[in-house]
């Protein structure tokens, strides 16, 4: 997860429910190391967090699940865990890019998508569309995720799976950027990835790369190609719906919780990057199910872009006239 450069590390208070924060044993970290791993599960009352944990993994998950209620951590942070948001000219530059480029682009993409969905409404109103195996099974997978979040114990297990995928995505993004992963650690108390490289893609990739969905599609699509069978196709679509909903659910769950990945790159800038990339993936998914046309979307995108530009130009003219 979020990067932190440290010349040394010290052990922060051992609150068993705080999810870590890239906790390490005392020692020296190389000067060029970057640590991604600021995951923490918020607690409602850390004073009640007894240091002794149950031997049973299931009981431990249930204990942690009882604390999964607060939206912000209520425990003091160690000195090395203090989040330092971006500031100065880098912050100003990111705000300008976000305001003048990313925000209008987001508006255009959303409006173009709404236009495409409006055009697809007659087809989506047909019963045959919803009874198609691909659509029905994908919706079934999304419903399965909803049911699994109703149990506090299963929800804690899903948190752990998300943390593993989150840190693994950081590691894979680092390797794709020709970096090195020096250490990878994930547990029920949190996790971190120690790398020698950092950039915007490495920091934000877990928020728009649905890793588990991609792995599921790769495995079952390959299996179905080698051994065509209706059961494999059914599992392919159910898993597709489940893991895509998993990605969206936990991304929306974790973003409001002060993730340093976003704070260190600018909150508005990072949020718009995450929004744009997830909308792009959603468009590809809808095109796969026949809800939208990529060619039609590109045409609507260009029309909406012209209208948004004309609207901004009108506002600029009005504001200029006032001064």
C-alpha atoms as a PDB file:
ATOM      1  CA  UNK A   1       0.000   0.000   0.000  1.00  0.00           C
ATOM      2  CA  UNK A   2       1.171   3.554   0.639  1.00  0.00           C
ATOM      3  CA  UNK A   3       4.882   4.270   0.499  1.00  0.00           C
ATOM      4  CA  UNK A   4       7.013   5.510   3.365  1.00  0.00           C
ATOM      5  CA  UNK A   5      10.734   6.133   3.232  1.00  0.00           C
ATOM      6  CA  UNK A   6      12.410   5.280   6.537  1.00  0.00           C
ATOM      7  CA  UNK A   7      16.025   5.113   7.625  1.00  0.00           C
ATOM      8  CA  UNK A   8      15.112   2.913  10.562  1.00  0.00           C
ATOM      9  CA  UNK A   9      12.062   1.304  12.057  1.00  0.00           C
ATOM     10  CA  UNK A  10      10.688   0.883  15.531  1.00  0.00           C
ATOM     11  CA  UNK A  11       7.876  -1.177  16.931  1.00  0.00           C
ATOM     12  CA  UNK A  12       4.622   0.689  17.345  1.00  0.00           C
ATOM     13  CA  UNK A  13       2.234  -0.162  20.208  1.00  0.00           C
ATOM     14  CA  UNK A  14       0.962  -3.702  19.782  1.00  0.00           C
ATOM     15  CA  UNK A  15      -2.766  -3.187  19.403  1.00  0.00           C
ATOM     16  CA  UNK A  16      -3.910  -6.538  18.066  1.00  0.00           C
ATOM     17  CA  UNK A  17      -6.823  -5.085  16.131  1.00  0.00           C
ATOM     18  CA  UNK A  18      -5.222  -2.113  14.427  1.00  0.00           C
ATOM     19  CA  UNK A  19      -4.282  -3.993  11.276  1.00  0.00           C
ATOM     20  CA  UNK A  20      -0.604  -3.279  11.492  1.00  0.00           C
ATOM     21  CA  UNK A  21       0.650  -0.259   9.567  1.00  0.00           C
ATOM     22  CA  UNK A  22       3.540  -2.083   8.035  1.00  0.00           C
ATOM     23  CA  UNK A  23       4.811  -3.057  11.472  1.00  0.00           C
ATOM     24  CA  UNK A  24       8.356  -4.377  11.526  1.00  0.00           C
ATOM     25  CA  UNK A  25      10.724  -5.703  14.153  1.00  0.00           C
ATOM     26  CA  UNK A  26      13.426  -3.253  15.265  1.00  0.00           C
ATOM     27  CA  UNK A  27      16.266  -2.954  12.817  1.00  0.00           C
ATOM     28  CA  UNK A  28      17.705  -0.900  10.000  1.00  0.00           C
ATOM     29  CA  UNK A  29      16.006  -0.495   6.619  1.00  0.00           C
ATOM     30  CA  UNK A  30      18.126   0.394   3.578  1.00  0.00           C
ATOM     31  CA  UNK A  31      18.058   4.059   2.665  1.00  0.00           C
ATOM     32  CA  UNK A  32      16.556   3.366  -0.780  1.00  0.00           C
ATOM     33  CA  UNK A  33      13.721   1.193   0.517  1.00  0.00           C
ATOM     34  CA  UNK A  34      10.100   2.173   0.104  1.00  0.00           C
ATOM     35  CA  UNK A  35       7.496   0.523   2.242  1.00  0.00           C
ATOM     36  CA  UNK A  36       3.976  -0.001   0.896  1.00  0.00           C
ATOM     37  CA  UNK A  37       1.755  -1.194   3.679  1.00  0.00           C
ATOM     38  CA  UNK A  38      -0.277   1.222   5.729  1.00  0.00           C
ATOM     39  CA  UNK A  39      -3.247  -1.055   6.056  1.00  0.00           C
ATOM     40  CA  UNK A  40      -5.119  -0.896   9.317  1.00  0.00           C
ATOM     41  CA  UNK A  41      -8.520  -2.125  10.389  1.00  0.00           C
ATOM     42  CA  UNK A  42     -10.169   0.632  12.452  1.00  0.00           C
ATOM     43  CA  UNK A  43     -11.095  -0.081  16.050  1.00  0.00           C
ATOM     44  CA  UNK A  44     -13.901   1.375  18.147  1.00  0.00           C
ATOM     45  CA  UNK A  45     -12.193   1.151  21.533  1.00  0.00           C
ATOM     46  CA  UNK A  46      -8.477   0.267  21.487  1.00  0.00           C
ATOM     47  CA  UNK A  47      -8.382   0.330  25.276  1.00  0.00           C
ATOM     48  CA  UNK A  48     -10.269  -2.944  25.179  1.00  0.00           C
ATOM     49  CA  UNK A  49      -7.751  -4.505  22.770  1.00  0.00           C
ATOM     50  CA  UNK A  50      -6.184  -7.118  25.026  1.00  0.00           C
ATOM     51  CA  UNK A  51      -2.694  -8.135  23.941  1.00  0.00           C
ATOM     52  CA  UNK A  52      -3.390 -11.851  24.263  1.00  0.00           C
ATOM     53  CA  UNK A  53      -5.133 -13.356  21.247  1.00  0.00           C
ATOM     54  CA  UNK A  54      -7.166 -16.598  21.108  1.00  0.00           C
ATOM     55  CA  UNK A  55      -5.423 -19.672  19.773  1.00  0.00           C
ATOM     56  CA  UNK A  56      -8.365 -20.429  17.504  1.00  0.00           C
ATOM     57  CA  UNK A  57      -8.097 -18.650  14.166  1.00  0.00           C
ATOM     58  CA  UNK A  58     -11.895 -18.580  13.844  1.00  0.00           C
ATOM     59  CA  UNK A  59     -12.294 -16.954  17.289  1.00  0.00           C
ATOM     60  CA  UNK A  60      -9.588 -14.473  16.417  1.00  0.00           C
ATOM     61  CA  UNK A  61     -11.446 -13.506  13.246  1.00  0.00           C
ATOM     62  CA  UNK A  62     -14.670 -13.059  15.222  1.00  0.00           C
ATOM     63  CA  UNK A  63     -12.898 -10.855  17.794  1.00  0.00           C
ATOM     64  CA  UNK A  64     -11.448  -8.670  15.039  1.00  0.00           C
ATOM     65  CA  UNK A  65     -14.815  -8.532  13.308  1.00  0.00           C
ATOM     66  CA  UNK A  66     -16.412  -7.070  16.451  1.00  0.00           C
ATOM     67  CA  UNK A  67     -14.107  -4.058  16.076  1.00  0.00           C
ATOM     68  CA  UNK A  68     -14.893  -3.529  12.408  1.00  0.00           C
ATOM     69  CA  UNK A  69     -17.357  -0.758  13.164  1.00  0.00           C
ATOM     70  CA  UNK A  70     -15.428   2.502  13.430  1.00  0.00           C
ATOM     71  CA  UNK A  71     -14.681   4.562  10.338  1.00  0.00           C
ATOM     72  CA  UNK A  72     -11.429   6.010  11.677  1.00  0.00           C
ATOM     73  CA  UNK A  73      -8.686   4.548  13.877  1.00  0.00           C
ATOM     74  CA  UNK A  74      -8.801   5.742  17.453  1.00  0.00           C
ATOM     75  CA  UNK A  75      -5.278   4.860  18.539  1.00  0.00           C
ATOM     76  CA  UNK A  76      -2.086   6.948  18.560  1.00  0.00           C
ATOM     77  CA  UNK A  77       0.280   6.576  15.636  1.00  0.00           C
ATOM     78  CA  UNK A  78       3.987   5.942  15.929  1.00  0.00           C
ATOM     79  CA  UNK A  79       6.288   8.658  14.611  1.00  0.00           C
ATOM     80  CA  UNK A  80       7.145   6.726  11.456  1.00  0.00           C
ATOM     81  CA  UNK A  81       3.441   6.119  10.782  1.00  0.00           C
ATOM     82  CA  UNK A  82       2.480   9.793  10.558  1.00  0.00           C
ATOM     83  CA  UNK A  83       1.008  10.546   7.156  1.00  0.00           C
ATOM     84  CA  UNK A  84       2.656  13.408   5.300  1.00  0.00           C
ATOM     85  CA  UNK A  85       0.319  14.639   2.550  1.00  0.00           C
ATOM     86  CA  UNK A  86       1.765  16.101  -0.608  1.00  0.00           C
ATOM     87  CA  UNK A  87       2.459  19.832  -0.364  1.00  0.00           C
ATOM     88  CA  UNK A  88       4.076  22.721  -2.176  1.00  0.00           C
ATOM     89  CA  UNK A  89       4.311  22.955  -5.953  1.00  0.00           C
ATOM     90  CA  UNK A  90       3.693  19.224  -6.536  1.00  0.00           C
ATOM     91  CA  UNK A  91       0.345  19.632  -4.762  1.00  0.00           C
ATOM     92  CA  UNK A  92      -0.516  22.743  -6.783  1.00  0.00           C
ATOM     93  CA  UNK A  93       0.391  20.979 -10.034  1.00  0.00           C
ATOM     94  CA  UNK A  94      -1.759  17.959  -9.178  1.00  0.00           C
ATOM     95  CA  UNK A  95      -4.672  20.206  -8.215  1.00  0.00           C
ATOM     96  CA  UNK A  96      -4.407  22.015 -11.565  1.00  0.00           C
ATOM     97  CA  UNK A  97      -4.306  18.742 -13.505  1.00  0.00           C
ATOM     98  CA  UNK A  98      -7.214  17.372 -11.480  1.00  0.00           C
ATOM     99  CA  UNK A  99      -9.337  20.505 -11.906  1.00  0.00           C
ATOM    100  CA  UNK A 100      -8.576  21.326 -15.537  1.00  0.00           C
ATOM    101  CA  UNK A 101      -8.120  17.854 -17.041  1.00  0.00           C
ATOM    102  CA  UNK A 102      -9.293  14.964 -14.883  1.00  0.00           C
ATOM    103  CA  UNK A 103     -12.516  16.512 -13.584  1.00  0.00           C
ATOM    104  CA  UNK A 104     -13.866  17.524 -17.021  1.00  0.00           C
ATOM    105  CA  UNK A 105     -12.767  14.143 -18.391  1.00  0.00           C
ATOM    106  CA  UNK A 106     -14.672  12.390 -15.600  1.00  0.00           C
ATOM    107  CA  UNK A 107     -17.804  14.403 -16.353  1.00  0.00           C
ATOM    108  CA  UNK A 108     -17.587  13.562 -20.049  1.00  0.00           C
ATOM    109  CA  UNK A 109     -17.023   9.850 -19.403  1.00  0.00           C
ATOM    110  CA  UNK A 110     -19.982   9.642 -17.009  1.00  0.00           C
ATOM    111  CA  UNK A 111     -22.345  11.527 -19.320  1.00  0.00           C
ATOM    112  CA  UNK A 112     -21.313   9.444 -22.318  1.00  0.00           C
ATOM    113  CA  UNK A 113     -21.905   6.267 -20.297  1.00  0.00           C
ATOM    114  CA  UNK A 114     -25.367   7.479 -19.227  1.00  0.00           C
ATOM    115  CA  UNK A 115     -26.231   8.230 -22.853  1.00  0.00           C
ATOM    116  CA  UNK A 116     -25.155   4.742 -23.879  1.00  0.00           C
ATOM    117  CA  UNK A 117     -27.192   3.152 -21.086  1.00  0.00           C
ATOM    118  CA  UNK A 118     -30.186   5.237 -22.147  1.00  0.00           C
ATOM    119  CA  UNK A 119     -29.846   3.905 -25.682  1.00  0.00           C
ATOM    120  CA  UNK A 120     -29.548   0.368 -24.323  1.00  0.00           C
ATOM    121  CA  UNK A 121     -32.661   0.664 -22.116  1.00  0.00           C
ATOM    122  CA  UNK A 122     -35.076  -1.011 -24.574  1.00  0.00           C
ATOM    123  CA  UNK A 123     -32.785  -4.030 -24.908  1.00  0.00           C
ATOM    124  CA  UNK A 124     -32.222  -4.219 -21.146  1.00  0.00           C
ATOM    125  CA  UNK A 125     -35.973  -4.188 -20.536  1.00  0.00           C
ATOM    126  CA  UNK A 126     -36.310  -7.445 -22.408  1.00  0.00           C
ATOM    127  CA  UNK A 127     -36.642 -10.498 -20.160  1.00  0.00           C
ATOM    128  CA  UNK A 128     -34.332 -12.461 -22.453  1.00  0.00           C
ATOM    129  CA  UNK A 129     -31.466 -10.104 -21.592  1.00  0.00           C
ATOM    130  CA  UNK A 130     -31.664 -10.805 -17.848  1.00  0.00           C
ATOM    131  CA  UNK A 131     -32.196 -14.526 -18.397  1.00  0.00           C
ATOM    132  CA  UNK A 132     -29.061 -14.835 -20.518  1.00  0.00           C
ATOM    133  CA  UNK A 133     -26.640 -17.217 -18.727  1.00  0.00           C
ATOM    134  CA  UNK A 134     -23.781 -14.721 -18.630  1.00  0.00           C
ATOM    135  CA  UNK A 135     -25.878 -11.917 -17.104  1.00  0.00           C
ATOM    136  CA  UNK A 136     -27.810 -14.163 -14.709  1.00  0.00           C
ATOM    137  CA  UNK A 137     -24.736 -15.923 -13.383  1.00  0.00           C
ATOM    138  CA  UNK A 138     -22.792 -12.665 -12.978  1.00  0.00           C
ATOM    139  CA  UNK A 139     -25.678 -11.174 -10.971  1.00  0.00           C
ATOM    140  CA  UNK A 140     -25.759 -14.358  -8.901  1.00  0.00           C
ATOM    141  CA  UNK A 141     -22.081 -13.876  -8.066  1.00  0.00           C
ATOM    142  CA  UNK A 142     -22.712 -10.260  -7.024  1.00  0.00           C
ATOM    143  CA  UNK A 143     -25.572 -11.426  -4.799  1.00  0.00           C
ATOM    144  CA  UNK A 144     -23.290 -14.051  -3.233  1.00  0.00           C
ATOM    145  CA  UNK A 145     -20.864 -11.287  -2.222  1.00  0.00           C
ATOM    146  CA  UNK A 146     -23.707  -9.309  -0.658  1.00  0.00           C
ATOM    147  CA  UNK A 147     -24.764 -12.329   1.392  1.00  0.00           C
ATOM    148  CA  UNK A 148     -21.191 -13.046   2.504  1.00  0.00           C
ATOM    149  CA  UNK A 149     -20.809  -9.493   3.885  1.00  0.00           C
ATOM    150  CA  UNK A 150     -23.756 -10.033   6.238  1.00  0.00           C
ATOM    151  CA  UNK A 151     -21.646 -12.301   8.458  1.00  0.00           C
ATOM    152  CA  UNK A 152     -19.085 -10.433  10.570  1.00  0.00           C
ATOM    153  CA  UNK A 153     -16.711 -13.414  10.555  1.00  0.00           C
ATOM    154  CA  UNK A 154     -16.898 -13.860   6.785  1.00  0.00           C
ATOM    155  CA  UNK A 155     -16.516 -10.120   6.378  1.00  0.00           C
ATOM    156  CA  UNK A 156     -13.277 -10.241   8.341  1.00  0.00           C
ATOM    157  CA  UNK A 157     -12.055 -13.040   6.107  1.00  0.00           C
ATOM    158  CA  UNK A 158     -12.934 -10.917   3.067  1.00  0.00           C
ATOM    159  CA  UNK A 159     -10.942  -8.046   4.577  1.00  0.00           C
ATOM    160  CA  UNK A 160      -7.935 -10.335   4.830  1.00  0.00           C
ATOM    161  CA  UNK A 161      -8.371 -11.470   1.211  1.00  0.00           C
ATOM    162  CA  UNK A 162      -8.596  -7.842   0.136  1.00  0.00           C
ATOM    163  CA  UNK A 163      -5.424  -6.939   2.049  1.00  0.00           C
ATOM    164  CA  UNK A 164      -3.560  -9.826   0.412  1.00  0.00           C
ATOM    165  CA  UNK A 165      -4.739  -8.719  -3.029  1.00  0.00           C
ATOM    166  CA  UNK A 166      -3.971  -5.084  -2.232  1.00  0.00           C
ATOM    167  CA  UNK A 167      -0.379  -5.742  -1.223  1.00  0.00           C
ATOM    168  CA  UNK A 168       0.107  -8.268  -4.011  1.00  0.00           C
ATOM    169  CA  UNK A 169      -1.033  -5.675  -6.538  1.00  0.00           C
ATOM    170  CA  UNK A 170       1.548  -3.234  -5.159  1.00  0.00           C
ATOM    171  CA  UNK A 171       4.210  -5.908  -5.592  1.00  0.00           C
ATOM    172  CA  UNK A 172       3.177  -6.825  -9.148  1.00  0.00           C
ATOM    173  CA  UNK A 173       3.005  -3.149 -10.124  1.00  0.00           C
ATOM    174  CA  UNK A 174       6.527  -2.697  -8.776  1.00  0.00           C
ATOM    175  CA  UNK A 175       7.806  -5.613 -10.862  1.00  0.00           C
ATOM    176  CA  UNK A 176       6.053  -4.229 -13.954  1.00  0.00           C
ATOM    177  CA  UNK A 177       7.903  -0.942 -13.380  1.00  0.00           C
ATOM    178  CA  UNK A 178      11.228  -2.805 -13.260  1.00  0.00           C
ATOM    179  CA  UNK A 179      11.492  -2.451  -9.497  1.00  0.00           C
ATOM    180  CA  UNK A 180      12.429  -4.986  -6.846  1.00  0.00           C
ATOM    181  CA  UNK A 181      10.253  -6.332  -4.047  1.00  0.00           C
ATOM    182  CA  UNK A 182      12.494  -6.750  -1.023  1.00  0.00           C
ATOM    183  CA  UNK A 183       9.900  -7.976   1.428  1.00  0.00           C
ATOM    184  CA  UNK A 184       6.249  -9.002   1.320  1.00  0.00           C
ATOM    185  CA  UNK A 185       4.299  -9.639   4.485  1.00  0.00           C
ATOM    186  CA  UNK A 186       0.573 -10.081   5.057  1.00  0.00           C
ATOM    187  CA  UNK A 187      -1.253 -11.339   8.103  1.00  0.00           C
ATOM    188  CA  UNK A 188      -4.467 -10.900  10.033  1.00  0.00           C
ATOM    189  CA  UNK A 189      -2.792  -7.963  11.793  1.00  0.00           C
ATOM    190  CA  UNK A 190      -1.951  -6.155   8.538  1.00  0.00           C
ATOM    191  CA  UNK A 191       0.692  -6.247   5.846  1.00  0.00           C
ATOM    192  CA  UNK A 192       3.269  -4.310   3.875  1.00  0.00           C
ATOM    193  CA  UNK A 193       5.447  -4.506   0.786  1.00  0.00           C
ATOM    194  CA  UNK A 194       9.007  -3.195   0.841  1.00  0.00           C
ATOM    195  CA  UNK A 195      10.249  -2.069  -2.589  1.00  0.00           C
ATOM    196  CA  UNK A 196      13.017   0.037  -4.112  1.00  0.00           C
ATOM    197  CA  UNK A 197      10.715   1.930  -6.477  1.00  0.00           C
ATOM    198  CA  UNK A 198       7.682   4.160  -6.169  1.00  0.00           C
ATOM    199  CA  UNK A 199       5.405   5.996  -8.598  1.00  0.00           C
ATOM    200  CA  UNK A 200       1.744   6.859  -9.088  1.00  0.00           C
ATOM    201  CA  UNK A 201       0.918   3.533 -10.749  1.00  0.00           C
ATOM    202  CA  UNK A 202       2.471   1.507  -7.929  1.00  0.00           C
ATOM    203  CA  UNK A 203       0.712   3.570  -5.271  1.00  0.00           C
ATOM    204  CA  UNK A 204      -2.800   3.573  -6.787  1.00  0.00           C
ATOM    205  CA  UNK A 205      -2.916   0.301  -8.746  1.00  0.00           C
ATOM    206  CA  UNK A 206      -4.785  -1.671  -6.028  1.00  0.00           C
ATOM    207  CA  UNK A 207      -7.687   0.761  -6.295  1.00  0.00           C
ATOM    208  CA  UNK A 208      -8.361   0.166  -9.980  1.00  0.00           C
ATOM    209  CA  UNK A 209      -6.818  -3.226 -10.770  1.00  0.00           C
ATOM    210  CA  UNK A 210      -9.299  -6.013  -9.832  1.00  0.00           C
ATOM    211  CA  UNK A 211      -6.573  -8.575  -9.233  1.00  0.00           C
ATOM    212  CA  UNK A 212      -8.742 -11.435  -7.970  1.00  0.00           C
ATOM    213  CA  UNK A 213     -11.200 -10.992 -10.825  1.00  0.00           C
ATOM    214  CA  UNK A 214      -8.363 -11.072 -13.346  1.00  0.00           C
ATOM    215  CA  UNK A 215      -6.884 -14.231 -11.834  1.00  0.00           C
ATOM    216  CA  UNK A 216     -10.298 -15.914 -11.745  1.00  0.00           C
ATOM    217  CA  UNK A 217     -10.982 -15.119 -15.394  1.00  0.00           C
ATOM    218  CA  UNK A 218      -7.506 -16.276 -16.408  1.00  0.00           C
ATOM    219  CA  UNK A 219      -7.833 -19.636 -14.639  1.00  0.00           C
ATOM    220  CA  UNK A 220     -11.384 -20.518 -15.625  1.00  0.00           C
ATOM    221  CA  UNK A 221     -11.194 -19.104 -19.153  1.00  0.00           C
ATOM    222  CA  UNK A 222      -8.080 -21.205 -19.746  1.00  0.00           C
ATOM    223  CA  UNK A 223      -9.754 -24.276 -18.222  1.00  0.00           C
ATOM    224  CA  UNK A 224     -12.872 -23.757 -20.335  1.00  0.00           C
ATOM    225  CA  UNK A 225     -10.742 -23.366 -23.442  1.00  0.00           C
ATOM    226  CA  UNK A 226      -8.905 -26.618 -22.710  1.00  0.00           C
ATOM    227  CA  UNK A 227     -11.966 -28.506 -21.487  1.00  0.00           C
ATOM    228  CA  UNK A 228     -15.212 -26.906 -22.727  1.00  0.00           C
ATOM    229  CA  UNK A 229     -17.927 -27.608 -20.197  1.00  0.00           C
ATOM    230  CA  UNK A 230     -21.088 -25.820 -19.077  1.00  0.00           C
ATOM    231  CA  UNK A 231     -20.080 -26.027 -15.415  1.00  0.00           C
ATOM    232  CA  UNK A 232     -16.792 -24.195 -16.064  1.00  0.00           C
ATOM    233  CA  UNK A 233     -18.611 -21.507 -18.014  1.00  0.00           C
ATOM    234  CA  UNK A 234     -21.101 -21.102 -15.171  1.00  0.00           C
ATOM    235  CA  UNK A 235     -18.316 -20.799 -12.588  1.00  0.00           C
ATOM    236  CA  UNK A 236     -16.528 -18.339 -14.851  1.00  0.00           C
ATOM    237  CA  UNK A 237     -19.460 -15.896 -14.886  1.00  0.00           C
ATOM    238  CA  UNK A 238     -20.379 -16.391 -11.213  1.00  0.00           C
ATOM    239  CA  UNK A 239     -16.794 -15.704 -10.167  1.00  0.00           C
ATOM    240  CA  UNK A 240     -16.657 -12.750 -12.541  1.00  0.00           C
ATOM    241  CA  UNK A 241     -19.668 -11.137 -10.862  1.00  0.00           C
ATOM    242  CA  UNK A 242     -18.425 -11.996  -7.382  1.00  0.00           C
ATOM    243  CA  UNK A 243     -14.878 -10.665  -7.732  1.00  0.00           C
ATOM    244  CA  UNK A 244     -15.851  -7.531  -9.646  1.00  0.00           C
ATOM    245  CA  UNK A 245     -18.373  -6.695  -6.899  1.00  0.00           C
ATOM    246  CA  UNK A 246     -15.666  -7.582  -4.359  1.00  0.00           C
ATOM    247  CA  UNK A 247     -13.297  -5.069  -5.949  1.00  0.00           C
ATOM    248  CA  UNK A 248     -15.875  -2.261  -6.060  1.00  0.00           C
ATOM    249  CA  UNK A 249     -17.207  -2.940  -2.546  1.00  0.00           C
ATOM    250  CA  UNK A 250     -13.869  -2.954  -0.761  1.00  0.00           C
ATOM    251  CA  UNK A 251     -12.445  -0.105  -2.813  1.00  0.00           C
ATOM    252  CA  UNK A 252     -15.381   2.076  -1.771  1.00  0.00           C
ATOM    253  CA  UNK A 253     -14.997   0.793   1.787  1.00  0.00           C
ATOM    254  CA  UNK A 254     -11.315   1.605   2.115  1.00  0.00           C
ATOM    255  CA  UNK A 255     -11.076   4.964   0.299  1.00  0.00           C
ATOM    256  CA  UNK A 256     -12.815   7.062   3.031  1.00  0.00           C
ATOM    257  CA  UNK A 257     -10.448   5.643   5.658  1.00  0.00           C
ATOM    258  CA  UNK A 258      -7.546   8.057   5.097  1.00  0.00           C
ATOM    259  CA  UNK A 259      -5.432   5.870   2.862  1.00  0.00           C
ATOM    260  CA  UNK A 260      -1.959   7.444   2.612  1.00  0.00           C
ATOM    261  CA  UNK A 261      -1.713   6.066  -0.940  1.00  0.00           C
ATOM    262  CA  UNK A 262      -4.096   8.856  -1.867  1.00  0.00           C
ATOM    263  CA  UNK A 263      -2.989  11.518   0.612  1.00  0.00           C
ATOM    264  CA  UNK A 264       0.633  11.317  -0.504  1.00  0.00           C
ATOM    265  CA  UNK A 265      -0.389  11.814  -4.145  1.00  0.00           C
ATOM    266  CA  UNK A 266      -3.116  14.381  -3.557  1.00  0.00           C
ATOM    267  CA  UNK A 267      -6.622  13.356  -2.499  1.00  0.00           C
ATOM    268  CA  UNK A 268      -8.545  14.934  -5.369  1.00  0.00           C
ATOM    269  CA  UNK A 269      -5.980  13.895  -7.961  1.00  0.00           C
ATOM    270  CA  UNK A 270      -5.890  10.292  -6.733  1.00  0.00           C
ATOM    271  CA  UNK A 271      -9.674  10.020  -6.392  1.00  0.00           C
ATOM    272  CA  UNK A 272     -10.221  11.164  -9.976  1.00  0.00           C
ATOM    273  CA  UNK A 273      -7.556   8.773 -11.301  1.00  0.00           C
ATOM    274  CA  UNK A 274      -9.250   5.893  -9.474  1.00  0.00           C
ATOM    275  CA  UNK A 275     -12.669   6.981 -10.722  1.00  0.00           C
ATOM    276  CA  UNK A 276     -11.567   7.277 -14.353  1.00  0.00           C
ATOM    277  CA  UNK A 277      -9.850   3.912 -14.466  1.00  0.00           C
ATOM    278  CA  UNK A 278     -12.739   2.081 -12.798  1.00  0.00           C
ATOM    279  CA  UNK A 279     -15.240   3.718 -15.175  1.00  0.00           C
ATOM    280  CA  UNK A 280     -13.109   2.570 -18.104  1.00  0.00           C
ATOM    281  CA  UNK A 281     -13.130  -1.008 -16.780  1.00  0.00           C
ATOM    282  CA  UNK A 282     -16.899  -0.788 -16.207  1.00  0.00           C
ATOM    283  CA  UNK A 283     -17.404   0.310 -19.811  1.00  0.00           C
ATOM    284  CA  UNK A 284     -15.448  -2.717 -21.043  1.00  0.00           C
ATOM    285  CA  UNK A 285     -17.563  -4.988 -18.845  1.00  0.00           C
ATOM    286  CA  UNK A 286     -20.820  -3.478 -20.080  1.00  0.00           C
ATOM    287  CA  UNK A 287     -19.594  -3.801 -23.668  1.00  0.00           C
ATOM    288  CA  UNK A 288     -18.857  -7.479 -23.046  1.00  0.00           C
ATOM    289  CA  UNK A 289     -22.430  -8.061 -21.859  1.00  0.00           C
ATOM    290  CA  UNK A 290     -23.832  -6.112 -24.797  1.00  0.00           C
ATOM    291  CA  UNK A 291     -25.180  -3.204 -22.732  1.00  0.00           C
ATOM    292  CA  UNK A 292     -23.103  -0.588 -24.552  1.00  0.00           C
ATOM    293  CA  UNK A 293     -21.240  -0.333 -27.829  1.00  0.00           C
ATOM    294  CA  UNK A 294     -17.620   0.770 -27.724  1.00  0.00           C
ATOM    295  CA  UNK A 295     -17.966   2.509 -31.075  1.00  0.00           C
ATOM    296  CA  UNK A 296     -21.171   4.180 -29.961  1.00  0.00           C
ATOM    297  CA  UNK A 297     -19.574   5.173 -26.682  1.00  0.00           C
ATOM    298  CA  UNK A 298     -16.668   6.847 -28.471  1.00  0.00           C
ATOM    299  CA  UNK A 299     -19.137   8.821 -30.592  1.00  0.00           C
ATOM    300  CA  UNK A 300     -21.175   9.853 -27.549  1.00  0.00           C
ATOM    301  CA  UNK A 301     -17.950  10.717 -25.725  1.00  0.00           C
ATOM    302  CA  UNK A 302     -16.953  13.143 -28.476  1.00  0.00           C
ATOM    303  CA  UNK A 303     -20.414  14.751 -28.524  1.00  0.00           C
ATOM    304  CA  UNK A 304     -20.461  15.105 -24.723  1.00  0.00           C
ATOM    305  CA  UNK A 305     -16.932  16.526 -24.770  1.00  0.00           C
ATOM    306  CA  UNK A 306     -18.009  19.235 -27.194  1.00  0.00           C
ATOM    307  CA  UNK A 307     -21.022  20.094 -25.034  1.00  0.00           C
ATOM    308  CA  UNK A 308     -18.990  20.221 -21.846  1.00  0.00           C
ATOM    309  CA  UNK A 309     -16.385  22.414 -23.556  1.00  0.00           C
ATOM    310  CA  UNK A 310     -19.104  24.767 -24.768  1.00  0.00           C
ATOM    311  CA  UNK A 311     -20.549  24.924 -21.235  1.00  0.00           C
ATOM    312  CA  UNK A 312     -17.184  25.751 -19.676  1.00  0.00           C
ATOM    313  CA  UNK A 313     -16.612  28.363 -22.386  1.00  0.00           C
ATOM    314  CA  UNK A 314     -19.949  29.992 -21.566  1.00  0.00           C
ATOM    315  CA  UNK A 315     -19.064  30.088 -17.854  1.00  0.00           C
ATOM    316  CA  UNK A 316     -15.663  31.566 -18.667  1.00  0.00           C
ATOM    317  CA  UNK A 317     -17.305  34.269 -20.759  1.00  0.00           C
ATOM    318  CA  UNK A 318     -19.732  35.159 -17.953  1.00  0.00           C
ATOM    319  CA  UNK A 319     -16.983  35.254 -15.312  1.00  0.00           C
ATOM    320  CA  UNK A 320     -14.723  37.354 -17.594  1.00  0.00           C
ATOM    321  CA  UNK A 321     -17.510  39.850 -18.124  1.00  0.00           C
ATOM    322  CA  UNK A 322     -17.860  40.319 -14.353  1.00  0.00           C
ATOM    323  CA  UNK A 323     -14.221  41.330 -14.000  1.00  0.00           C
END
